[in-house]
Amino acid sequence: MDYQALDKTYIAHTYARFPVHVVSGKGSLLKDADGKTYIDLGSGIGVTAFGIGDDEWIQAVTAQLGLVQHTSNLYYTDPCMRLAQMLCEKTGMKKVFFGNSGAEANECAIKTARKYAQDKHGIESPTIVTLKNGFHGRTVTTLAATGQEHYHELFQPLTPGFVYAEPNQTDETINLIRSSKASAVLIECIQGEGGVNVLDKAYVQSVAAYCKENDVLLIVDEVQTGNGRTGKLYAYMNYDIVPDLVSTAKGLGGGLPLGACLFGEKAENVLGFGDHGSTFGGNPVCCAGGVSILSRLNDAFLQDVKRKGDMVKMALTGAPGVESVGGMGLMIGIKTVKKASDVVSECIQKGVLCLTAKDKVRLLPALNIPDDLLMKAVQVIKDACNPG
């Protein structure tokens, strides 16, 4: 079977795929159609939080499949309610809305912020400040929220109401919030697609303090950074702040489509009956997977995620061809002398799957990847980075 020809014939040309035809896997190992095994350091772009074929996750999902695979949100289901309870108890947030993806979670947060501004302050066309180099999704509205011009060029007119601040420039950001009379600020604590750029703690805390003092909602996008990825349950917890809205997805479902918007005290009652909805949001099978994932993200496990991330950084820092290593936990960006895409291609040839983010090699391995497998893959990366 010529899988590349099939893909080219029948699938929209929206992905520049690597020449790897994945057919099976277990844990952090994937096997292609030719029988070659790869160490997976991408986890489906941060989705398979406990790797491929995780036994506990499979048991939870298949048990729910045997009960009911879907029912509309006109009725109650146990996994949906249980996962919402867990999210609120672990974060201190008050309510949850479930969707299918990170873009949908961000759409919900944006709608909530706009309605809050109209209800509370009578602002009919509220503005939201986001950050340059951020990324919030591919819908027309979340593209508008994304502070990268090249994503905007082909899809005009985008949804109005967004202005963009320079990350880590406190005075500029606060002045923009003030001058635009913004009703909300939307940030990623680590800009994943933007290049694994970690925001300064003092900057985030200053923006959060201004928002709190001026009744501007603070929205934190935890689509890629959430659910244990940074060594905390959510990345904002590394910054000692409390957002008003949190969007998350990717690793939450462990491999099934699941997004969530978490509402803090200010926002918990903004949306009423009919203001928002989702056919598949809160699907019981997806939520059963989410319960399995979230139940295992305890303090000891998260500390181990941080340890593994530190181990990777230590091994790569100062290696030949490595200019810098950044990130948090198991969300790591590597600036290389070689083109990042060339490093990734060489790693694929040697049996390691990595990602890119702008001009960096990006690592998002499963949170439970064994140490020996992780360091074996890191050695391959080091060899690929070496320009000698």
Protein backbone atom coordinates (compact mmCIF):
# COMPACT_ATOMS: atom_id res chain seq x y z
CA MET A 1 0.00 0.00 0.00
CA ASP A 2 1.40 3.39 -1.02
CA TYR A 3 0.22 5.31 2.05
CA GLN A 4 1.71 8.59 0.87
CA ALA A 5 -0.21 8.39 -2.41
CA LEU A 6 -3.43 7.58 -0.56
CA ASP A 7 -2.91 10.53 1.75
CA LYS A 8 -2.17 12.85 -1.14
CA THR A 9 -5.24 11.66 -3.05
CA TYR A 10 -7.85 11.69 -0.32
CA ILE A 11 -6.75 13.94 2.55
CA ALA A 12 -6.68 17.75 2.46
CA HIS A 13 -3.15 19.04 2.00
CA THR A 14 -2.95 20.79 5.35
CA TYR A 15 -0.11 18.80 6.94
CA ALA A 16 3.56 18.48 6.01
CA ARG A 17 3.85 14.97 7.39
CA PHE A 18 7.08 13.20 8.28
CA PRO A 19 7.65 9.96 6.31
CA VAL A 20 6.54 7.74 9.20
CA HIS A 21 3.48 5.46 8.93
CA VAL A 22 2.56 4.64 12.54
CA VAL A 23 0.67 1.37 13.01
CA SER A 24 1.09 0.44 16.68
CA GLY A 25 2.84 1.28 19.92
CA LYS A 26 3.15 0.83 23.65
CA GLY A 27 4.20 3.40 26.20
CA SER A 28 6.76 5.72 24.58
CA LEU A 29 7.58 3.37 21.72
CA LEU A 30 5.89 3.54 18.30
CA LYS A 31 6.19 1.08 15.43
CA ASP A 32 5.82 1.92 11.75
CA ALA A 33 4.49 -0.16 8.86
CA ASP A 34 8.00 -1.47 8.12
CA GLY A 35 8.48 -2.70 11.68
CA LYS A 36 10.90 0.07 12.70
CA THR A 37 10.59 1.21 16.33
CA TYR A 38 10.80 4.85 17.42
CA ILE A 39 11.12 6.52 20.80
CA ASP A 40 8.27 9.03 20.90
CA LEU A 41 9.21 12.44 22.32
CA GLY A 42 6.16 14.20 20.84
CA SER A 43 3.24 12.31 22.43
CA GLY A 44 0.88 13.48 19.71
CA ILE A 45 1.89 17.10 20.47
CA GLY A 46 1.40 16.65 24.19
CA VAL A 47 -1.76 14.52 24.02
CA THR A 48 -0.85 10.97 25.06
CA ALA A 49 0.09 11.99 28.58
CA PHE A 50 0.70 8.41 29.74
CA GLY A 51 1.93 7.13 26.41
CA ILE A 52 0.39 4.68 23.96
CA GLY A 53 -1.86 1.86 25.15
CA ASP A 54 -1.71 2.80 28.83
CA ASP A 55 -3.43 -0.10 30.60
CA GLU A 56 -5.25 1.94 33.25
CA TRP A 57 -6.51 4.42 30.67
CA ILE A 58 -7.69 1.64 28.34
CA GLN A 59 -9.57 -0.02 31.19
CA ALA A 60 -11.34 3.22 32.12
CA VAL A 61 -12.28 4.05 28.53
CA THR A 62 -13.44 0.56 27.56
CA ALA A 63 -15.47 0.18 30.75
CA GLN A 64 -17.37 3.34 29.82
CA LEU A 65 -17.74 2.15 26.21
CA GLY A 66 -19.54 -0.86 27.58
CA LEU A 67 -22.06 1.37 29.37
CA VAL A 68 -22.86 4.26 27.02
CA GLN A 69 -20.59 5.89 24.46
CA HIS A 70 -22.53 9.14 24.07
CA THR A 71 -25.59 10.96 25.22
CA SER A 72 -26.45 14.59 24.71
CA ASN A 73 -25.89 17.31 27.29
CA LEU A 74 -29.63 17.22 27.98
CA TYR A 75 -28.80 14.43 30.44
CA TYR A 76 -26.30 13.73 33.23
CA THR A 77 -23.41 11.27 32.98
CA ASP A 78 -21.08 10.18 35.77
CA PRO A 79 -17.68 10.71 34.03
CA CYS A 80 -18.58 14.28 33.05
CA MET A 81 -19.60 15.24 36.57
CA ARG A 82 -16.68 13.41 38.18
CA LEU A 83 -14.07 15.04 35.95
CA ALA A 84 -15.53 18.50 36.52
CA GLN A 85 -15.43 17.91 40.27
CA MET A 86 -11.80 16.78 40.11
CA LEU A 87 -10.77 19.80 38.04
CA CYS A 88 -12.42 22.21 40.44
CA GLU A 89 -11.08 20.53 43.57
CA LYS A 90 -7.52 20.40 42.21
CA THR A 91 -7.48 24.02 41.03
CA GLY A 92 -9.90 25.92 43.26
CA MET A 93 -11.88 26.97 40.18
CA LYS A 94 -15.68 26.94 40.45
CA LYS A 95 -17.22 25.57 37.25
CA VAL A 96 -16.21 23.71 34.08
CA PHE A 97 -17.46 23.72 30.49
CA PHE A 98 -16.37 20.77 28.35
CA GLY A 99 -15.66 20.91 24.61
CA ASN A 100 -13.57 18.86 22.20
CA SER A 101 -10.35 20.84 21.75
CA GLY A 102 -8.13 23.64 22.92
CA ALA A 103 -9.51 26.03 20.31
CA GLU A 104 -13.03 25.38 21.61
CA ALA A 105 -11.91 25.89 25.20
CA ASN A 106 -10.42 29.23 24.17
CA GLU A 107 -13.60 30.16 22.27
CA CYS A 108 -15.56 29.53 25.46
CA ALA A 109 -13.19 31.69 27.50
CA ILE A 110 -13.37 34.51 24.93
CA LYS A 111 -17.17 34.41 24.82
CA THR A 112 -17.28 34.46 28.61
CA ALA A 113 -14.93 37.45 28.81
CA ARG A 114 -17.01 39.38 26.28
CA LYS A 115 -20.27 38.65 28.04
CA TYR A 116 -18.74 39.57 31.41
CA ALA A 117 -17.69 42.96 30.01
CA GLN A 118 -21.16 43.62 28.66
CA ASP A 119 -23.01 42.40 31.76
CA LYS A 120 -20.74 44.01 34.34
CA HIS A 121 -19.48 47.15 32.61
CA GLY A 122 -21.85 47.73 29.70
CA ILE A 123 -19.04 47.44 27.14
CA GLU A 124 -20.66 46.49 23.84
CA SER A 125 -17.44 45.79 21.89
CA PRO A 126 -14.92 44.61 24.46
CA THR A 127 -11.23 44.23 23.63
CA ILE A 128 -8.96 41.38 24.70
CA VAL A 129 -5.19 41.80 24.97
CA THR A 130 -3.12 38.80 23.89
CA LEU A 131 0.63 38.41 23.43
CA LYS A 132 2.75 38.48 20.31
CA ASN A 133 4.07 35.02 19.43
CA GLY A 134 1.16 33.42 21.26
CA PHE A 135 -1.02 30.71 19.75
CA HIS A 136 -4.62 30.00 20.71
CA GLY A 137 -6.16 27.89 17.94
CA ARG A 138 -7.24 27.76 14.30
CA THR A 139 -10.85 28.91 14.34
CA VAL A 140 -11.46 32.38 12.92
CA THR A 141 -11.71 33.85 16.43
CA THR A 142 -8.81 32.00 18.04
CA LEU A 143 -6.66 32.85 15.01
CA ALA A 144 -7.54 36.49 15.67
CA ALA A 145 -6.43 35.98 19.26
CA THR A 146 -3.14 34.50 18.06
CA GLY A 147 -0.48 37.21 17.98
CA GLN A 148 1.31 36.00 14.84
CA GLU A 149 0.63 37.86 11.60
CA HIS A 150 1.42 35.00 9.24
CA TYR A 151 -1.54 33.04 10.64
CA HIS A 152 -3.83 35.98 9.79
CA GLU A 153 -2.89 36.69 6.18
CA LEU A 154 -5.07 34.21 4.30
CA PHE A 155 -8.24 34.37 6.37
CA GLN A 156 -9.34 37.97 6.52
CA PRO A 157 -11.52 39.39 7.87
CA LEU A 158 -10.82 37.86 11.26
CA THR A 159 -12.93 38.42 14.36
CA PRO A 160 -12.23 41.95 15.64
CA GLY A 161 -11.52 42.85 19.24
CA PHE A 162 -7.93 41.71 19.83
CA VAL A 163 -4.75 43.73 20.36
CA TYR A 164 -1.27 42.32 20.87
CA ALA A 165 1.34 43.13 23.51
CA GLU A 166 5.04 42.30 23.56
CA PRO A 167 5.74 39.44 26.03
CA ASN A 168 7.70 40.29 29.18
CA GLN A 169 7.30 44.06 28.65
CA THR A 170 5.31 44.94 31.75
CA ASP A 171 4.80 48.66 31.22
CA GLU A 172 3.91 48.24 27.54
CA THR A 173 1.40 45.50 28.31
CA ILE A 174 -0.30 47.40 31.11
CA ASN A 175 -0.41 50.57 29.01
CA LEU A 176 -2.05 48.60 26.20
CA ILE A 177 -4.61 47.11 28.59
CA ARG A 178 -5.38 50.63 29.80
CA SER A 179 -5.42 52.39 26.43
CA SER A 180 -7.56 49.73 24.71
CA LYS A 181 -9.92 49.59 27.70
CA ALA A 182 -9.48 45.85 27.62
CA SER A 183 -11.95 43.59 29.35
CA ALA A 184 -9.57 40.62 29.47
CA VAL A 185 -5.99 39.48 28.97
CA LEU A 186 -5.23 36.09 27.41
CA ILE A 187 -1.76 34.57 27.87
CA GLU A 188 0.19 31.32 27.72
CA CYS A 189 2.71 31.08 30.55
CA ILE A 190 4.90 29.18 28.09
CA GLN A 191 4.33 29.97 24.43
CA GLY A 192 4.48 26.49 22.93
CA GLU A 193 3.93 26.99 19.20
CA GLY A 194 5.69 30.35 19.49
CA GLY A 195 9.00 28.67 20.34
CA VAL A 196 8.70 27.32 23.91
CA ASN A 197 9.13 30.84 25.29
CA VAL A 198 8.80 30.95 29.08
CA LEU A 199 7.25 34.17 30.40
CA ASP A 200 9.05 35.93 33.25
CA LYS A 201 7.44 35.35 36.63
CA ALA A 202 7.60 39.03 37.61
CA TYR A 203 5.90 39.99 34.34
CA VAL A 204 3.05 37.51 34.77
CA GLN A 205 2.53 38.52 38.38
CA SER A 206 2.47 42.23 37.51
CA VAL A 207 -0.09 41.72 34.74
CA ALA A 208 -2.18 39.50 37.02
CA ALA A 209 -2.10 42.12 39.78
CA TYR A 210 -3.18 44.88 37.39
CA CYS A 211 -6.04 42.74 36.10
CA LYS A 212 -7.23 41.99 39.61
CA GLU A 213 -7.11 45.65 40.69
CA ASN A 214 -8.98 46.86 37.60
CA ASP A 215 -11.57 44.09 37.13
CA VAL A 216 -9.95 42.86 33.92
CA LEU A 217 -10.38 39.10 33.51
CA LEU A 218 -7.15 37.10 33.32
CA ILE A 219 -7.39 34.09 30.98
CA VAL A 220 -4.57 31.54 30.97
CA ASP A 221 -4.32 29.21 27.98
CA GLU A 222 -3.17 25.84 29.35
CA VAL A 223 -3.91 23.82 26.23
CA GLN A 224 -0.31 22.65 25.80
CA THR A 225 1.16 23.55 29.20
CA GLY A 226 -1.56 21.96 31.32
CA ASN A 227 -2.29 18.58 32.90
CA GLY A 228 1.14 17.99 34.42
CA ARG A 229 3.28 19.02 31.45
CA THR A 230 5.41 21.59 33.35
CA GLY A 231 5.75 19.71 36.63
CA LYS A 232 2.70 21.43 38.09
CA LEU A 233 -0.89 20.48 37.35
CA TYR A 234 -1.20 23.77 35.40
CA ALA A 235 1.64 26.06 34.38
CA TYR A 236 0.12 29.13 36.07
CA MET A 237 0.74 27.38 39.40
CA ASN A 238 4.47 27.96 38.84
CA TYR A 239 3.72 31.71 38.89
CA ASP A 240 1.68 31.95 42.11
CA ILE A 241 -1.30 33.59 40.40
CA VAL A 242 -5.02 32.81 40.26
CA PRO A 243 -6.62 33.23 36.80
CA ASP A 244 -10.28 34.04 36.23
CA LEU A 245 -10.54 31.60 33.32
CA VAL A 246 -8.37 28.65 32.30
CA SER A 247 -8.55 26.81 28.97
CA THR A 248 -7.09 23.33 28.61
CA ALA A 249 -7.16 20.26 26.34
CA LYS A 250 -4.47 18.03 24.76
CA GLY A 251 -3.19 15.80 27.61
CA LEU A 252 -6.45 16.00 29.56
CA GLY A 253 -8.11 13.23 27.54
CA GLY A 254 -4.99 11.07 27.25
CA GLY A 255 -5.58 10.54 23.52
CA LEU A 256 -9.28 11.28 23.09
CA PRO A 257 -10.63 14.71 22.04
CA LEU A 258 -11.40 16.64 25.21
CA GLY A 259 -11.15 20.34 26.06
CA ALA A 260 -12.26 22.26 29.12
CA CYS A 261 -12.80 25.86 30.14
CA LEU A 262 -12.48 26.41 33.89
CA PHE A 263 -14.29 29.36 35.47
CA GLY A 264 -13.08 31.19 38.56
CA GLU A 265 -15.33 33.01 41.01
CA LYS A 266 -15.82 36.13 38.87
CA ALA A 267 -16.74 34.14 35.79
CA GLU A 268 -18.60 31.13 37.16
CA ASN A 269 -22.12 32.46 36.53
CA VAL A 270 -21.53 34.54 33.39
CA LEU A 271 -22.89 31.93 30.97
CA GLY A 272 -26.51 30.92 31.40
CA PHE A 273 -28.88 28.50 29.69
CA GLY A 274 -28.42 28.62 25.91
CA ASP A 275 -25.40 30.94 25.97
CA HIS A 276 -23.03 28.18 24.92
CA GLY A 277 -23.09 24.50 24.05
CA SER A 278 -21.38 21.52 22.46
CA THR A 279 -22.77 18.31 20.99
CA PHE A 280 -19.78 16.17 21.93
CA GLY A 281 -18.46 18.24 24.85
CA GLY A 282 -18.35 16.18 28.04
CA ASN A 283 -18.61 12.92 26.10
CA PRO A 284 -18.64 10.16 28.75
CA VAL A 285 -15.92 8.06 27.08
CA CYS A 286 -13.57 11.03 26.72
CA CYS A 287 -14.29 12.14 30.27
CA ALA A 288 -13.64 8.62 31.59
CA GLY A 289 -10.22 8.89 29.97
CA GLY A 290 -9.78 12.31 31.57
CA VAL A 291 -10.62 10.96 35.02
CA SER A 292 -7.98 8.27 34.57
CA ILE A 293 -5.35 10.84 33.60
CA LEU A 294 -6.17 13.45 36.23
CA SER A 295 -6.42 10.95 39.08
CA ARG A 296 -2.74 10.05 38.65
CA LEU A 297 -1.34 13.58 38.48
CA ASN A 298 -0.49 13.78 42.18
CA ASP A 299 2.33 15.78 43.77
CA ALA A 300 4.85 12.93 43.73
CA PHE A 301 4.23 12.22 40.05
CA LEU A 302 4.47 15.91 39.13
CA GLN A 303 7.73 16.24 41.02
CA ASP A 304 9.06 13.36 38.94
CA VAL A 305 8.05 15.18 35.75
CA LYS A 306 10.10 18.15 36.91
CA ARG A 307 13.05 15.87 37.74
CA LYS A 308 12.99 14.31 34.28
CA GLY A 309 12.86 17.72 32.64
CA ASP A 310 15.85 18.92 34.68
CA MET A 311 17.72 15.76 33.70
CA VAL A 312 17.14 16.44 30.01
CA LYS A 313 18.18 20.08 30.29
CA MET A 314 21.36 19.15 32.15
CA ALA A 315 22.29 16.57 29.51
CA LEU A 316 21.74 18.94 26.58
CA THR A 317 23.04 22.23 27.98
CA GLY A 318 26.45 23.00 26.55
CA ALA A 319 26.42 20.04 24.16
CA PRO A 320 28.07 20.67 20.77
CA GLY A 321 25.59 22.35 18.44
CA VAL A 322 23.17 23.28 21.24
CA GLU A 323 22.88 27.04 21.73
CA SER A 324 20.33 26.99 24.57
CA VAL A 325 17.77 24.79 26.31
CA GLY A 326 14.57 26.18 27.84
CA GLY A 327 11.12 25.24 29.01
CA MET A 328 9.61 23.70 32.13
CA GLY A 329 9.14 20.11 33.14
CA LEU A 330 8.72 17.94 30.06
CA MET A 331 7.98 20.87 27.76
CA ILE A 332 11.42 21.62 26.37
CA GLY A 333 12.73 23.84 23.56
CA ILE A 334 16.25 23.39 22.15
CA LYS A 335 17.89 26.15 20.10
CA THR A 336 20.34 24.45 17.75
CA VAL A 337 23.14 25.57 15.45
CA LYS A 338 21.71 23.38 12.71
CA LYS A 339 18.22 24.04 11.38
CA ALA A 340 15.71 22.51 13.78
CA SER A 341 13.98 20.69 10.94
CA ASP A 342 17.30 19.06 9.93
CA VAL A 343 17.88 17.89 13.50
CA VAL A 344 14.39 16.40 13.65
CA SER A 345 14.86 14.62 10.31
CA GLU A 346 18.15 13.10 11.47
CA CYS A 347 16.52 11.98 14.72
CA ILE A 348 13.74 10.25 12.77
CA GLN A 349 16.34 8.33 10.77
CA LYS A 350 17.89 7.20 14.07
CA GLY A 351 14.56 6.19 15.62
CA VAL A 352 13.55 9.21 17.71
CA LEU A 353 10.47 11.35 17.04
CA CYS A 354 10.75 15.04 18.01
CA LEU A 355 8.85 18.21 17.12
CA THR A 356 9.74 21.74 16.10
CA ALA A 357 8.53 25.10 17.39
CA LYS A 358 9.69 28.05 15.31
CA ASP A 359 13.48 27.70 15.16
CA LYS A 360 13.73 25.18 18.01
CA VAL A 361 13.53 21.45 18.48
CA ARG A 362 10.58 20.81 20.81
CA LEU A 363 10.22 17.85 23.17
CA LEU A 364 6.87 16.82 24.66
CA PRO A 365 7.37 13.21 25.75
CA ALA A 366 4.84 11.18 27.70
CA LEU A 367 4.92 12.26 31.33
CA ASN A 368 5.71 8.72 32.47
CA ILE A 369 8.48 7.97 29.96
CA PRO A 370 11.10 5.76 31.65
CA ASP A 371 14.43 7.40 32.46
CA ASP A 372 16.50 4.98 30.38
CA LEU A 373 14.35 5.45 27.27
CA LEU A 374 14.35 9.23 27.71
CA MET A 375 18.10 9.47 28.03
CA LYS A 376 18.67 7.07 25.12
CA ALA A 377 16.60 9.46 22.99
CA VAL A 378 18.47 12.49 24.37
CA GLN A 379 21.76 10.95 23.25
CA VAL A 380 20.36 10.62 19.72
CA ILE A 381 19.35 14.29 19.84
CA LYS A 382 22.83 15.29 21.02
CA ASP A 383 24.42 13.36 18.16
CA ALA A 384 22.01 14.97 15.66
CA CYS A 385 22.77 18.47 16.99
CA ASN A 386 26.53 18.04 16.74
CA PRO A 387 27.73 20.04 13.72
CA GLY A 388 31.09 18.29 13.68
